[in-house]
Amino acid sequence: MIKWKNLFVKIVMRWSNIKASLYFGKNGWFNNVILWRAAAIIFFALSVYLIIPRNILTSKSEQISSREFKDVEDFYTQQISNKVKLIHDYKNNEGLNGFTHDFQQLEAMYLVLKEQMNVSPSDKVKDALVLNLLVRIDLLNQQLHSLEKEVPYKEEEEEEEQSETSI
């Protein structure tokens, strides 16, 4: 029995030494209330930062950007519709098949980009949309230029035919 008692005393002594080395006493860093409060505040602030969507933080700048993009898009769309109307107003629309095919392809690409803009808006997609509008305007300008070159020749030919028939 003395043997058990000595063994028990040794175990208790070792545990008290281990406890002292871990420093779990009343004044230990683990029981420091100020430390736990600071940790809780940091955890709360970090959680709020990660939970709040970034959209709320940058929504005003995005609204201004989207409004500006809408204005640019409206302007170019108006220019395109005016030029399309001018092309359709010409008397003879022969040779427009290549033009209409290219124009339809650009319009289809524009619709795909517009859908992409609705799904995941980004500056790259906005730039691609504006570039598409500019390319369509350029294509329309080229077509108008070629039609303007053809019309004077055709009008001259018609005048010559009329003068020949009247003679």
C-alpha atoms as a PDB file:
ATOM      1  CA  MET A   1       0.000   0.000   0.000  1.00  0.00           C
ATOM      2  CA  ILE A   2       2.894   2.329   0.612  1.00  0.00           C
ATOM      3  CA  LYS A   3       4.051   1.543  -2.834  1.00  0.00           C
ATOM      4  CA  TRP A   4       0.722   2.700  -4.282  1.00  0.00           C
ATOM      5  CA  LYS A   5       0.790   5.808  -2.158  1.00  0.00           C
ATOM      6  CA  ASN A   6       4.288   6.735  -3.366  1.00  0.00           C
ATOM      7  CA  LEU A   7       3.234   6.103  -6.946  1.00  0.00           C
ATOM      8  CA  PHE A   8       0.149   8.289  -6.499  1.00  0.00           C
ATOM      9  CA  VAL A   9       2.238  11.105  -4.989  1.00  0.00           C
ATOM     10  CA  LYS A  10       4.682  10.921  -7.912  1.00  0.00           C
ATOM     11  CA  ILE A  11       1.839  11.102 -10.435  1.00  0.00           C
ATOM     12  CA  VAL A  12       0.258  14.076  -8.682  1.00  0.00           C
ATOM     13  CA  MET A  13       3.626  15.835  -8.542  1.00  0.00           C
ATOM     14  CA  ARG A  14       4.190  15.267 -12.245  1.00  0.00           C
ATOM     15  CA  TRP A  15       0.729  16.562 -13.095  1.00  0.00           C
ATOM     16  CA  SER A  16       1.275  19.648 -10.977  1.00  0.00           C
ATOM     17  CA  ASN A  17       4.578  20.231 -12.798  1.00  0.00           C
ATOM     18  CA  ILE A  18       2.845  19.793 -16.177  1.00  0.00           C
ATOM     19  CA  LYS A  19       0.037  22.114 -15.098  1.00  0.00           C
ATOM     20  CA  ALA A  20       2.515  24.737 -13.969  1.00  0.00           C
ATOM     21  CA  SER A  21       4.425  24.521 -17.243  1.00  0.00           C
ATOM     22  CA  LEU A  22       1.207  24.988 -19.259  1.00  0.00           C
ATOM     23  CA  TYR A  23       0.329  28.046 -17.183  1.00  0.00           C
ATOM     24  CA  PHE A  24      -3.434  27.530 -16.927  1.00  0.00           C
ATOM     25  CA  GLY A  25      -3.650  29.454 -13.703  1.00  0.00           C
ATOM     26  CA  LYS A  26      -5.970  32.387 -13.049  1.00  0.00           C
ATOM     27  CA  ASN A  27      -3.508  34.844 -14.490  1.00  0.00           C
ATOM     28  CA  GLY A  28      -2.682  32.798 -17.598  1.00  0.00           C
ATOM     29  CA  TRP A  29      -2.996  34.171 -21.135  1.00  0.00           C
ATOM     30  CA  PHE A  30      -5.651  31.566 -21.925  1.00  0.00           C
ATOM     31  CA  ASN A  31      -7.984  33.015 -19.289  1.00  0.00           C
ATOM     32  CA  ASN A  32      -7.394  36.645 -20.254  1.00  0.00           C
ATOM     33  CA  VAL A  33     -10.808  38.223 -20.965  1.00  0.00           C
ATOM     34  CA  ILE A  34      -9.396  41.213 -22.871  1.00  0.00           C
ATOM     35  CA  LEU A  35      -7.632  38.886 -25.285  1.00  0.00           C
ATOM     36  CA  TRP A  36     -10.844  36.959 -25.973  1.00  0.00           C
ATOM     37  CA  ARG A  37     -12.815  40.170 -26.473  1.00  0.00           C
ATOM     38  CA  ALA A  38     -10.273  41.438 -28.994  1.00  0.00           C
ATOM     39  CA  ALA A  39     -10.336  38.104 -30.809  1.00  0.00           C
ATOM     40  CA  ALA A  40     -14.157  38.196 -30.923  1.00  0.00           C
ATOM     41  CA  ILE A  41     -14.150  41.741 -32.349  1.00  0.00           C
ATOM     42  CA  ILE A  42     -11.623  40.790 -35.043  1.00  0.00           C
ATOM     43  CA  PHE A  43     -13.616  37.658 -35.903  1.00  0.00           C
ATOM     44  CA  PHE A  44     -16.869  39.646 -36.124  1.00  0.00           C
ATOM     45  CA  ALA A  45     -15.324  42.365 -38.308  1.00  0.00           C
ATOM     46  CA  LEU A  46     -13.778  39.815 -40.646  1.00  0.00           C
ATOM     47  CA  SER A  47     -17.053  37.897 -40.890  1.00  0.00           C
ATOM     48  CA  VAL A  48     -19.021  41.032 -41.759  1.00  0.00           C
ATOM     49  CA  TYR A  49     -16.440  42.006 -44.394  1.00  0.00           C
ATOM     50  CA  LEU A  50     -16.605  38.576 -46.030  1.00  0.00           C
ATOM     51  CA  ILE A  51     -20.397  38.277 -45.863  1.00  0.00           C
ATOM     52  CA  ILE A  52     -21.270  41.675 -47.348  1.00  0.00           C
ATOM     53  CA  PRO A  53     -21.337  41.349 -51.133  1.00  0.00           C
ATOM     54  CA  ARG A  54     -18.865  43.472 -53.030  1.00  0.00           C
ATOM     55  CA  ASN A  55     -21.777  44.731 -55.169  1.00  0.00           C
ATOM     56  CA  ILE A  56     -23.115  46.863 -52.357  1.00  0.00           C
ATOM     57  CA  LEU A  57     -19.756  48.505 -51.826  1.00  0.00           C
ATOM     58  CA  THR A  58     -19.272  49.401 -55.504  1.00  0.00           C
ATOM     59  CA  SER A  59     -22.883  49.749 -56.650  1.00  0.00           C
ATOM     60  CA  LYS A  60     -22.784  53.527 -57.194  1.00  0.00           C
ATOM     61  CA  SER A  61     -19.793  53.407 -59.520  1.00  0.00           C
ATOM     62  CA  GLU A  62     -21.330  50.474 -61.394  1.00  0.00           C
ATOM     63  CA  GLN A  63     -24.631  52.362 -61.734  1.00  0.00           C
ATOM     64  CA  ILE A  64     -22.828  55.359 -63.209  1.00  0.00           C
ATOM     65  CA  SER A  65     -20.846  53.083 -65.510  1.00  0.00           C
ATOM     66  CA  SER A  66     -23.951  51.207 -66.655  1.00  0.00           C
ATOM     67  CA  ARG A  67     -25.794  54.493 -67.251  1.00  0.00           C
ATOM     68  CA  GLU A  68     -22.894  55.785 -69.366  1.00  0.00           C
ATOM     69  CA  PHE A  69     -22.800  52.512 -71.284  1.00  0.00           C
ATOM     70  CA  LYS A  70     -26.545  52.694 -71.894  1.00  0.00           C
ATOM     71  CA  ASP A  71     -26.144  56.245 -73.274  1.00  0.00           C
ATOM     72  CA  VAL A  72     -23.332  55.137 -75.595  1.00  0.00           C
ATOM     73  CA  GLU A  73     -25.317  52.106 -76.690  1.00  0.00           C
ATOM     74  CA  ASP A  74     -28.409  54.227 -77.406  1.00  0.00           C
ATOM     75  CA  PHE A  75     -26.374  56.728 -79.435  1.00  0.00           C
ATOM     76  CA  TYR A  76     -24.710  54.074 -81.593  1.00  0.00           C
ATOM     77  CA  THR A  77     -27.967  52.157 -82.024  1.00  0.00           C
ATOM     78  CA  GLN A  78     -29.635  55.352 -83.240  1.00  0.00           C
ATOM     79  CA  GLN A  79     -26.762  55.934 -85.676  1.00  0.00           C
ATOM     80  CA  ILE A  80     -27.088  52.381 -86.975  1.00  0.00           C
ATOM     81  CA  SER A  81     -30.836  52.639 -87.492  1.00  0.00           C
ATOM     82  CA  ASN A  82     -30.417  55.963 -89.357  1.00  0.00           C
ATOM     83  CA  LYS A  83     -27.793  54.471 -91.664  1.00  0.00           C
ATOM     84  CA  VAL A  84     -29.875  51.337 -92.288  1.00  0.00           C
ATOM     85  CA  LYS A  85     -32.808  53.582 -93.223  1.00  0.00           C
ATOM     86  CA  LEU A  86     -30.584  55.520 -95.649  1.00  0.00           C
ATOM     87  CA  ILE A  87     -29.434  52.296 -97.303  1.00  0.00           C
ATOM     88  CA  HIS A  88     -33.012  51.070 -97.709  1.00  0.00           C
ATOM     89  CA  ASP A  89     -34.021  54.427 -99.201  1.00  0.00           C
ATOM     90  CA  TYR A  90     -31.735  53.943-102.202  1.00  0.00           C
ATOM     91  CA  LYS A  91     -33.613  52.963-105.340  1.00  0.00           C
ATOM     92  CA  ASN A  92     -31.517  49.974-106.327  1.00  0.00           C
ATOM     93  CA  ASN A  93     -30.402  47.636-103.551  1.00  0.00           C
ATOM     94  CA  GLU A  94     -28.608  45.117-105.756  1.00  0.00           C
ATOM     95  CA  GLY A  95     -25.434  43.598-104.369  1.00  0.00           C
ATOM     96  CA  LEU A  96     -26.478  43.890-100.727  1.00  0.00           C
ATOM     97  CA  ASN A  97     -26.412  40.145-100.066  1.00  0.00           C
ATOM     98  CA  GLY A  98     -22.808  40.148 -98.803  1.00  0.00           C
ATOM     99  CA  PHE A  99     -23.504  43.252 -96.794  1.00  0.00           C
ATOM    100  CA  THR A 100     -26.683  41.897 -95.203  1.00  0.00           C
ATOM    101  CA  HIS A 101     -24.967  38.611 -94.363  1.00  0.00           C
ATOM    102  CA  ASP A 102     -22.086  40.385 -92.594  1.00  0.00           C
ATOM    103  CA  PHE A 103     -24.492  42.734 -90.881  1.00  0.00           C
ATOM    104  CA  GLN A 104     -26.656  39.849 -89.650  1.00  0.00           C
ATOM    105  CA  GLN A 105     -23.588  38.057 -88.295  1.00  0.00           C
ATOM    106  CA  LEU A 106     -22.547  41.173 -86.394  1.00  0.00           C
ATOM    107  CA  GLU A 107     -26.063  41.556 -85.043  1.00  0.00           C
ATOM    108  CA  ALA A 108     -26.099  37.917 -83.880  1.00  0.00           C
ATOM    109  CA  MET A 109     -22.731  38.403 -82.176  1.00  0.00           C
ATOM    110  CA  TYR A 110     -24.113  41.542 -80.530  1.00  0.00           C
ATOM    111  CA  LEU A 111     -27.072  39.607 -79.123  1.00  0.00           C
ATOM    112  CA  VAL A 112     -24.721  36.942 -77.729  1.00  0.00           C
ATOM    113  CA  LEU A 113     -22.560  39.636 -76.119  1.00  0.00           C
ATOM    114  CA  LYS A 114     -25.655  41.340 -74.733  1.00  0.00           C
ATOM    115  CA  GLU A 115     -26.728  38.056 -73.118  1.00  0.00           C
ATOM    116  CA  GLN A 116     -23.217  37.623 -71.711  1.00  0.00           C
ATOM    117  CA  MET A 117     -23.464  41.146 -70.304  1.00  0.00           C
ATOM    118  CA  ASN A 118     -26.674  40.210 -68.491  1.00  0.00           C
ATOM    119  CA  VAL A 119     -25.145  37.021 -67.098  1.00  0.00           C
ATOM    120  CA  SER A 120     -21.761  38.350 -66.013  1.00  0.00           C
ATOM    121  CA  PRO A 121     -21.122  42.018 -66.704  1.00  0.00           C
ATOM    122  CA  SER A 122     -17.518  43.078 -67.134  1.00  0.00           C
ATOM    123  CA  ASP A 123     -15.473  45.765 -68.831  1.00  0.00           C
ATOM    124  CA  LYS A 124     -14.330  43.307 -71.507  1.00  0.00           C
ATOM    125  CA  VAL A 125     -17.908  42.548 -72.490  1.00  0.00           C
ATOM    126  CA  LYS A 126     -18.788  46.255 -72.538  1.00  0.00           C
ATOM    127  CA  ASP A 127     -15.789  46.968 -74.750  1.00  0.00           C
ATOM    128  CA  ALA A 128     -16.751  44.113 -77.081  1.00  0.00           C
ATOM    129  CA  LEU A 129     -20.317  45.451 -77.332  1.00  0.00           C
ATOM    130  CA  VAL A 130     -19.123  48.953 -78.189  1.00  0.00           C
ATOM    131  CA  LEU A 131     -16.613  47.552 -80.692  1.00  0.00           C
ATOM    132  CA  ASN A 132     -19.383  45.531 -82.335  1.00  0.00           C
ATOM    133  CA  LEU A 133     -21.504  48.673 -82.672  1.00  0.00           C
ATOM    134  CA  LEU A 134     -18.563  50.584 -84.150  1.00  0.00           C
ATOM    135  CA  VAL A 135     -17.827  47.810 -86.657  1.00  0.00           C
ATOM    136  CA  ARG A 136     -21.484  47.776 -87.715  1.00  0.00           C
ATOM    137  CA  ILE A 137     -21.407  51.553 -88.190  1.00  0.00           C
ATOM    138  CA  ASP A 138     -18.218  51.244 -90.227  1.00  0.00           C
ATOM    139  CA  LEU A 139     -19.779  48.520 -92.375  1.00  0.00           C
ATOM    140  CA  LEU A 140     -22.842  50.700 -92.928  1.00  0.00           C
ATOM    141  CA  ASN A 141     -20.653  53.676 -93.838  1.00  0.00           C
ATOM    142  CA  GLN A 142     -18.773  51.562 -96.376  1.00  0.00           C
ATOM    143  CA  GLN A 143     -22.030  50.362 -97.889  1.00  0.00           C
ATOM    144  CA  LEU A 144     -23.410  53.908 -98.047  1.00  0.00           C
ATOM    145  CA  HIS A 145     -20.203  55.088 -99.697  1.00  0.00           C
ATOM    146  CA  SER A 146     -20.380  52.345-102.336  1.00  0.00           C
ATOM    147  CA  LEU A 147     -24.079  53.090-102.965  1.00  0.00           C
ATOM    148  CA  GLU A 148     -23.327  56.799-103.344  1.00  0.00           C
ATOM    149  CA  LYS A 149     -20.691  55.937-105.968  1.00  0.00           C
ATOM    150  CA  GLU A 150     -23.117  53.710-107.876  1.00  0.00           C
ATOM    151  CA  VAL A 151     -26.117  56.046-107.830  1.00  0.00           C
ATOM    152  CA  PRO A 152     -24.593  58.904-109.888  1.00  0.00           C
ATOM    153  CA  TYR A 153     -23.500  56.419-112.589  1.00  0.00           C
ATOM    154  CA  LYS A 154     -26.912  54.787-112.701  1.00  0.00           C
ATOM    155  CA  GLU A 155     -28.650  58.162-112.844  1.00  0.00           C
ATOM    156  CA  GLU A 156     -26.373  59.204-115.718  1.00  0.00           C
ATOM    157  CA  GLU A 157     -27.136  55.946-117.547  1.00  0.00           C
ATOM    158  CA  GLU A 158     -30.884  56.468-117.034  1.00  0.00           C
ATOM    159  CA  GLU A 159     -30.621  60.045-118.370  1.00  0.00           C
ATOM    160  CA  GLU A 160     -28.697  58.796-121.415  1.00  0.00           C
ATOM    161  CA  GLU A 161     -31.320  56.125-122.065  1.00  0.00           C
ATOM    162  CA  GLN A 162     -34.105  58.682-121.771  1.00  0.00           C
ATOM    163  CA  SER A 163     -32.324  61.082-124.116  1.00  0.00           C
ATOM    164  CA  GLU A 164     -31.744  58.274-126.652  1.00  0.00           C
ATOM    165  CA  THR A 165     -35.373  57.214-126.574  1.00  0.00           C
ATOM    166  CA  SER A 166     -36.589  60.770-127.026  1.00  0.00           C
ATOM    167  CA  ILE A 167     -34.487  61.260-130.136  1.00  0.00           C
END
